[in-house]
């Protein structure tokens, strides 16, 4: 099971949909939410891409930007996840 990070911001309906999708995903163990407004680097990197999925415990700098669905999340986690 994967520990993931969801880059988001308050009031983003797509971010809410992404959270629901990840919450129901069988390969996701936990979701850490990071509001991009709290960090200038996150804001610069993700402001036009949110919601963005990343692995919480990975040495690789990879992410998956919206739009994504159950299948693309599965593929991402199997390709880059440790499990």
N, C-alpha and C. Protein backbone atom coordinates (compact mmCIF):
# COMPACT_ATOMS: atom_id res chain seq x y z
N UNK A 1 0.85 -1.18 0.00
CA UNK A 1 0.00 0.00 0.00
C UNK A 1 0.89 1.24 0.00
N UNK A 2 0.41 2.27 -0.65
CA UNK A 2 1.20 3.49 -0.84
C UNK A 2 0.73 4.61 0.07
N UNK A 3 1.70 5.38 0.52
CA UNK A 3 1.43 6.63 1.21
C UNK A 3 1.62 7.72 0.18
N UNK A 4 0.58 8.53 -0.02
CA UNK A 4 0.62 9.53 -1.08
C UNK A 4 0.44 10.93 -0.52
N UNK A 5 0.84 11.89 -1.34
CA UNK A 5 0.65 13.31 -1.04
C UNK A 5 -0.28 13.87 -2.10
N UNK A 6 -1.26 14.64 -1.66
CA UNK A 6 -2.16 15.31 -2.57
C UNK A 6 -1.96 16.82 -2.41
N UNK A 7 -1.38 17.44 -3.43
CA UNK A 7 -1.23 18.89 -3.44
C UNK A 7 -2.56 19.47 -3.88
N UNK A 8 -3.07 20.43 -3.11
CA UNK A 8 -4.41 20.96 -3.34
C UNK A 8 -4.47 22.39 -2.83
N UNK A 9 -5.65 22.97 -2.87
CA UNK A 9 -5.94 24.22 -2.17
C UNK A 9 -7.41 24.23 -1.80
N UNK A 10 -7.74 25.01 -0.80
CA UNK A 10 -9.13 25.09 -0.34
C UNK A 10 -10.03 25.63 -1.44
N UNK A 11 -11.23 25.08 -1.52
CA UNK A 11 -12.22 25.54 -2.48
C UNK A 11 -12.06 24.97 -3.88
N UNK A 12 -11.14 24.05 -4.05
CA UNK A 12 -10.89 23.43 -5.36
C UNK A 12 -11.75 22.18 -5.47
N UNK A 13 -12.80 22.23 -6.30
CA UNK A 13 -13.70 21.08 -6.41
C UNK A 13 -13.01 19.88 -7.05
N UNK A 14 -12.06 20.13 -7.94
CA UNK A 14 -11.31 19.01 -8.53
C UNK A 14 -10.44 18.33 -7.47
N UNK A 15 -9.91 19.11 -6.56
CA UNK A 15 -9.11 18.56 -5.46
C UNK A 15 -9.97 17.67 -4.57
N UNK A 16 -11.19 18.09 -4.34
CA UNK A 16 -12.11 17.27 -3.54
C UNK A 16 -12.42 15.96 -4.26
N UNK A 17 -12.60 16.01 -5.58
CA UNK A 17 -12.84 14.79 -6.35
C UNK A 17 -11.62 13.87 -6.30
N UNK A 18 -10.43 14.46 -6.40
CA UNK A 18 -9.20 13.67 -6.34
C UNK A 18 -9.06 13.00 -4.98
N UNK A 19 -9.37 13.72 -3.91
CA UNK A 19 -9.28 13.15 -2.57
C UNK A 19 -10.24 11.96 -2.43
N UNK A 20 -11.45 12.12 -2.92
CA UNK A 20 -12.42 11.02 -2.86
C UNK A 20 -11.94 9.80 -3.64
N UNK A 21 -11.39 10.04 -4.82
CA UNK A 21 -10.85 8.95 -5.65
C UNK A 21 -9.73 8.23 -4.91
N UNK A 22 -8.80 8.99 -4.35
CA UNK A 22 -7.67 8.38 -3.64
C UNK A 22 -8.13 7.66 -2.37
N UNK A 23 -9.11 8.21 -1.69
CA UNK A 23 -9.63 7.58 -0.48
C UNK A 23 -10.21 6.20 -0.75
N UNK A 24 -10.76 6.03 -1.94
CA UNK A 24 -11.39 4.76 -2.30
C UNK A 24 -10.44 3.80 -3.02
N UNK A 25 -9.23 4.25 -3.28
CA UNK A 25 -8.30 3.43 -4.07
C UNK A 25 -7.68 2.34 -3.21
N UNK A 26 -7.69 1.11 -3.71
CA UNK A 26 -7.21 -0.04 -2.95
C UNK A 26 -5.71 -0.03 -2.69
N UNK A 27 -4.94 0.70 -3.47
CA UNK A 27 -3.49 0.74 -3.28
C UNK A 27 -3.02 1.90 -2.41
N UNK A 28 -3.94 2.76 -2.01
CA UNK A 28 -3.58 3.93 -1.20
C UNK A 28 -3.84 3.65 0.27
N UNK A 29 -2.77 3.73 1.04
CA UNK A 29 -2.85 3.48 2.48
C UNK A 29 -3.18 4.75 3.26
N UNK A 30 -2.53 5.86 2.89
CA UNK A 30 -2.79 7.12 3.57
C UNK A 30 -2.56 8.28 2.61
N UNK A 31 -3.23 9.38 2.89
CA UNK A 31 -3.16 10.58 2.05
C UNK A 31 -2.75 11.75 2.92
N UNK A 32 -1.63 12.35 2.59
CA UNK A 32 -1.20 13.58 3.24
C UNK A 32 -1.60 14.72 2.31
N UNK A 33 -2.40 15.64 2.81
CA UNK A 33 -2.83 16.78 2.00
C UNK A 33 -1.91 17.97 2.28
N UNK A 34 -1.43 18.60 1.20
CA UNK A 34 -0.58 19.77 1.31
C UNK A 34 -1.23 20.91 0.52
N UNK A 35 -1.61 21.95 1.23
CA UNK A 35 -2.21 23.12 0.58
C UNK A 35 -1.09 23.95 -0.03
N UNK A 36 -1.13 24.12 -1.34
CA UNK A 36 -0.04 24.81 -2.03
C UNK A 36 0.11 26.27 -1.60
N UNK A 37 -0.91 26.83 -1.01
CA UNK A 37 -0.85 28.23 -0.57
C UNK A 37 0.13 28.41 0.59
N UNK A 38 0.47 27.30 1.26
CA UNK A 38 1.34 27.37 2.43
C UNK A 38 2.83 27.33 2.11
N UNK A 39 3.20 27.17 0.83
CA UNK A 39 4.61 27.06 0.48
C UNK A 39 4.81 27.67 -0.91
N UNK A 40 5.71 28.63 -1.01
CA UNK A 40 5.93 29.33 -2.28
C UNK A 40 6.39 28.38 -3.38
N UNK A 41 7.22 27.41 -3.04
CA UNK A 41 7.70 26.45 -4.05
C UNK A 41 6.56 25.58 -4.56
N UNK A 42 5.68 25.13 -3.66
CA UNK A 42 4.53 24.33 -4.08
C UNK A 42 3.61 25.17 -4.97
N UNK A 43 3.39 26.41 -4.56
CA UNK A 43 2.51 27.30 -5.33
C UNK A 43 3.05 27.49 -6.74
N UNK A 44 4.33 27.74 -6.85
CA UNK A 44 4.94 27.94 -8.17
C UNK A 44 4.86 26.67 -9.02
N UNK A 45 5.13 25.54 -8.41
CA UNK A 45 5.17 24.28 -9.15
C UNK A 45 3.80 23.76 -9.54
N UNK A 46 2.78 23.97 -8.71
CA UNK A 46 1.51 23.28 -8.88
C UNK A 46 0.29 24.15 -9.12
N UNK A 47 0.42 25.47 -9.10
CA UNK A 47 -0.77 26.32 -9.11
C UNK A 47 -1.70 26.10 -10.29
N UNK A 48 -1.18 25.74 -11.44
CA UNK A 48 -2.08 25.51 -12.59
C UNK A 48 -2.27 24.02 -12.86
N UNK A 49 -1.73 23.15 -11.98
CA UNK A 49 -1.82 21.71 -12.20
C UNK A 49 -2.65 20.98 -11.15
N UNK A 50 -3.04 21.66 -10.06
CA UNK A 50 -3.71 20.95 -8.97
C UNK A 50 -5.05 20.40 -9.43
N UNK A 51 -5.43 19.30 -8.83
CA UNK A 51 -4.73 18.51 -7.83
C UNK A 51 -3.57 17.71 -8.43
N UNK A 52 -2.55 17.51 -7.61
CA UNK A 52 -1.36 16.77 -8.04
C UNK A 52 -1.08 15.67 -7.02
N UNK A 53 -0.85 14.47 -7.52
CA UNK A 53 -0.56 13.31 -6.69
C UNK A 53 0.94 13.04 -6.72
N UNK A 54 1.52 12.78 -5.57
CA UNK A 54 2.93 12.40 -5.47
C UNK A 54 3.05 11.30 -4.42
N UNK A 55 4.17 10.63 -4.43
CA UNK A 55 4.43 9.60 -3.43
C UNK A 55 5.04 10.25 -2.20
N UNK A 56 4.58 9.87 -1.02
CA UNK A 56 5.07 10.47 0.21
C UNK A 56 6.49 10.02 0.53
N UNK A 57 6.79 8.78 0.26
CA UNK A 57 8.09 8.22 0.63
C UNK A 57 8.79 7.72 -0.63
N UNK A 58 9.38 8.65 -1.37
CA UNK A 58 10.06 8.27 -2.60
C UNK A 58 11.25 9.19 -2.83
N UNK A 59 12.31 8.59 -3.31
CA UNK A 59 13.48 9.39 -3.66
C UNK A 59 13.33 9.95 -5.07
N UNK A 60 12.33 9.48 -5.80
CA UNK A 60 12.08 9.96 -7.15
C UNK A 60 11.22 11.22 -7.12
N UNK A 61 11.50 12.11 -8.01
CA UNK A 61 10.72 13.34 -8.12
C UNK A 61 9.71 13.20 -9.25
N UNK A 62 8.68 12.44 -8.98
CA UNK A 62 7.63 12.21 -9.99
C UNK A 62 6.29 12.56 -9.38
N UNK A 63 5.39 13.02 -10.22
CA UNK A 63 4.03 13.31 -9.76
C UNK A 63 3.06 13.06 -10.89
N UNK A 64 1.81 13.09 -10.55
CA UNK A 64 0.73 12.88 -11.50
C UNK A 64 -0.26 14.02 -11.34
N UNK A 65 -0.35 14.86 -12.37
CA UNK A 65 -1.26 16.00 -12.33
C UNK A 65 -2.63 15.64 -12.88
N UNK A 66 -3.58 16.43 -12.50
CA UNK A 66 -4.97 16.27 -12.94
C UNK A 66 -5.05 16.53 -14.43
N UNK A 67 -5.85 15.84 -15.19
CA UNK A 67 -6.85 14.88 -14.73
C UNK A 67 -6.25 13.48 -14.59
N UNK A 68 -6.67 12.80 -13.53
CA UNK A 68 -6.33 11.39 -13.37
C UNK A 68 -7.56 10.64 -12.89
N UNK A 69 -7.55 9.33 -13.17
CA UNK A 69 -8.66 8.49 -12.77
C UNK A 69 -8.10 7.26 -12.05
N UNK A 70 -8.97 6.35 -11.69
CA UNK A 70 -8.57 5.17 -10.93
C UNK A 70 -7.47 4.40 -11.65
N UNK A 71 -7.63 4.20 -12.96
CA UNK A 71 -6.65 3.44 -13.72
C UNK A 71 -5.30 4.14 -13.80
N UNK A 72 -5.29 5.44 -14.02
CA UNK A 72 -4.01 6.15 -14.12
C UNK A 72 -3.31 6.21 -12.76
N UNK A 73 -4.08 6.29 -11.68
CA UNK A 73 -3.49 6.24 -10.34
C UNK A 73 -2.87 4.86 -10.10
N UNK A 74 -3.57 3.82 -10.47
CA UNK A 74 -3.05 2.46 -10.33
C UNK A 74 -1.74 2.31 -11.09
N UNK A 75 -1.72 2.75 -12.32
CA UNK A 75 -0.51 2.67 -13.14
C UNK A 75 0.64 3.45 -12.51
N UNK A 76 0.36 4.67 -12.05
CA UNK A 76 1.36 5.52 -11.39
C UNK A 76 1.94 4.83 -10.16
N UNK A 77 1.07 4.31 -9.31
CA UNK A 77 1.53 3.67 -8.07
C UNK A 77 2.32 2.40 -8.33
N UNK A 78 1.90 1.62 -9.32
CA UNK A 78 2.64 0.40 -9.65
C UNK A 78 3.99 0.71 -10.28
N UNK A 79 4.05 1.78 -11.05
CA UNK A 79 5.29 2.14 -11.72
C UNK A 79 6.30 2.78 -10.76
N UNK A 80 5.84 3.67 -9.89
CA UNK A 80 6.75 4.46 -9.06
C UNK A 80 6.72 4.10 -7.58
N UNK A 81 5.68 3.42 -7.15
CA UNK A 81 5.56 3.07 -5.73
C UNK A 81 6.51 1.96 -5.33
N UNK A 82 6.72 1.84 -4.05
CA UNK A 82 7.65 0.83 -3.53
C UNK A 82 7.00 -0.53 -3.39
N UNK A 83 5.67 -0.57 -3.45
CA UNK A 83 4.96 -1.85 -3.29
C UNK A 83 4.46 -2.37 -4.61
